[in-house]
Amino acid sequence: DGLGDLDQCNGRFGVTPEFPDGIYYYVVTDDFPFFTRCLKGDV
């Protein structure tokens, strides 16, 4: 699983300056798993 608020893909839903209504985004961390472990989305 992810770290803290991060999901299994190392991502989370949150507010950013560019998306004040919120958006799902991936997070790079200093500790394992470091970067995206999978991708989420609709095809």
N, C-alpha and C. Protein backbone atom coordinates (compact mmCIF):
# COMPACT_ATOMS: atom_id res chain seq x y z
N ASP A 1 0.83 -1.20 0.00
CA ASP A 1 0.00 0.00 0.00
C ASP A 1 0.87 1.25 0.00
N GLY A 2 0.22 2.38 -0.18
CA GLY A 2 0.93 3.64 -0.20
C GLY A 2 1.37 4.07 1.18
N LEU A 3 1.92 5.23 1.27
CA LEU A 3 2.46 5.77 2.51
C LEU A 3 1.54 6.87 3.02
N GLY A 4 1.06 6.77 4.26
CA GLY A 4 0.20 7.80 4.83
C GLY A 4 -1.09 7.94 4.05
N ASP A 5 -1.33 9.14 3.50
CA ASP A 5 -2.54 9.43 2.74
C ASP A 5 -2.45 8.95 1.29
N LEU A 6 -1.33 8.36 0.91
CA LEU A 6 -1.17 7.92 -0.47
C LEU A 6 -1.81 6.56 -0.68
N ASP A 7 -2.35 6.34 -1.88
CA ASP A 7 -2.96 5.05 -2.18
C ASP A 7 -1.91 4.08 -2.72
N GLN A 8 -2.36 2.93 -3.21
CA GLN A 8 -1.44 1.89 -3.66
C GLN A 8 -0.62 2.32 -4.88
N CYS A 9 -1.05 3.37 -5.59
CA CYS A 9 -0.30 3.88 -6.74
C CYS A 9 0.57 5.07 -6.38
N ASN A 10 0.70 5.36 -5.08
CA ASN A 10 1.47 6.51 -4.58
C ASN A 10 0.83 7.83 -5.04
N GLY A 11 -0.49 7.85 -5.07
CA GLY A 11 -1.23 9.05 -5.46
C GLY A 11 -2.27 9.41 -4.42
N ARG A 12 -2.86 10.56 -4.60
CA ARG A 12 -3.93 11.01 -3.70
C ARG A 12 -4.76 12.07 -4.40
N PHE A 13 -5.93 12.36 -3.85
CA PHE A 13 -6.79 13.43 -4.33
C PHE A 13 -6.56 14.62 -3.42
N GLY A 14 -6.29 15.78 -4.00
CA GLY A 14 -6.08 16.97 -3.19
C GLY A 14 -6.19 18.23 -4.02
N VAL A 15 -6.09 19.36 -3.34
CA VAL A 15 -6.18 20.68 -3.94
C VAL A 15 -4.77 21.16 -4.27
N THR A 16 -4.61 21.75 -5.46
CA THR A 16 -3.34 22.35 -5.86
C THR A 16 -3.63 23.77 -6.35
N PRO A 17 -2.60 24.62 -6.48
CA PRO A 17 -2.85 25.98 -6.98
C PRO A 17 -3.51 25.98 -8.37
N GLU A 18 -3.14 25.01 -9.20
CA GLU A 18 -3.70 24.95 -10.55
C GLU A 18 -5.10 24.36 -10.58
N PHE A 19 -5.45 23.55 -9.58
CA PHE A 19 -6.75 22.87 -9.52
C PHE A 19 -7.38 23.08 -8.14
N PRO A 20 -7.92 24.28 -7.89
CA PRO A 20 -8.47 24.59 -6.57
C PRO A 20 -9.68 23.74 -6.18
N ASP A 21 -10.33 23.08 -7.16
CA ASP A 21 -11.45 22.19 -6.85
C ASP A 21 -10.98 20.78 -6.53
N GLY A 22 -9.69 20.53 -6.68
CA GLY A 22 -9.12 19.23 -6.38
C GLY A 22 -8.84 18.41 -7.63
N ILE A 23 -7.85 17.52 -7.51
CA ILE A 23 -7.44 16.65 -8.61
C ILE A 23 -6.67 15.47 -8.03
N TYR A 24 -6.70 14.35 -8.72
CA TYR A 24 -5.89 13.20 -8.32
C TYR A 24 -4.48 13.43 -8.86
N TYR A 25 -3.46 13.22 -8.02
CA TYR A 25 -2.09 13.38 -8.49
C TYR A 25 -1.17 12.36 -7.82
N TYR A 26 -0.06 12.07 -8.49
CA TYR A 26 0.94 11.13 -8.00
C TYR A 26 1.99 11.90 -7.23
N VAL A 27 2.60 11.24 -6.24
CA VAL A 27 3.57 11.88 -5.35
C VAL A 27 4.89 11.11 -5.38
N VAL A 28 6.00 11.84 -5.51
CA VAL A 28 7.34 11.26 -5.39
C VAL A 28 7.75 11.40 -3.93
N THR A 29 8.25 10.31 -3.32
CA THR A 29 8.63 10.31 -1.91
C THR A 29 10.12 10.05 -1.74
N ASP A 30 10.67 10.40 -0.57
CA ASP A 30 12.08 10.16 -0.26
C ASP A 30 12.34 8.71 0.08
N ASP A 31 11.32 7.99 0.51
CA ASP A 31 11.45 6.59 0.91
C ASP A 31 10.66 5.70 -0.04
N PHE A 32 10.95 4.39 0.01
CA PHE A 32 10.24 3.43 -0.83
C PHE A 32 8.74 3.61 -0.67
N PRO A 33 7.96 3.64 -1.72
CA PRO A 33 8.24 3.22 -3.09
C PRO A 33 8.76 4.31 -4.01
N PHE A 34 9.14 5.47 -3.50
CA PHE A 34 9.76 6.57 -4.24
C PHE A 34 8.86 7.22 -5.28
N PHE A 35 8.33 6.45 -6.23
CA PHE A 35 7.54 7.03 -7.32
C PHE A 35 6.35 6.12 -7.66
N THR A 36 5.60 6.52 -8.65
CA THR A 36 4.37 5.82 -9.04
C THR A 36 4.60 4.33 -9.24
N ARG A 37 3.77 3.52 -8.59
CA ARG A 37 3.86 2.06 -8.70
C ARG A 37 2.85 1.50 -9.69
N CYS A 38 1.85 2.28 -10.04
CA CYS A 38 0.83 1.88 -11.00
C CYS A 38 0.15 3.15 -11.48
N LEU A 39 -0.76 3.03 -12.40
CA LEU A 39 -1.50 4.18 -12.91
C LEU A 39 -2.98 3.94 -12.71
N LYS A 40 -3.70 5.03 -12.45
CA LYS A 40 -5.16 4.96 -12.30
C LYS A 40 -5.80 5.81 -13.37
N GLY A 41 -6.98 5.40 -13.79
CA GLY A 41 -7.70 6.20 -14.76
C GLY A 41 -8.76 5.39 -15.48
N ASP A 42 -9.49 6.05 -16.33
CA ASP A 42 -10.52 5.43 -17.14
C ASP A 42 -10.06 5.42 -18.59
N VAL A 43 -10.36 4.34 -19.27
CA VAL A 43 -9.99 4.24 -20.69
C VAL A 43 -11.22 4.39 -21.54
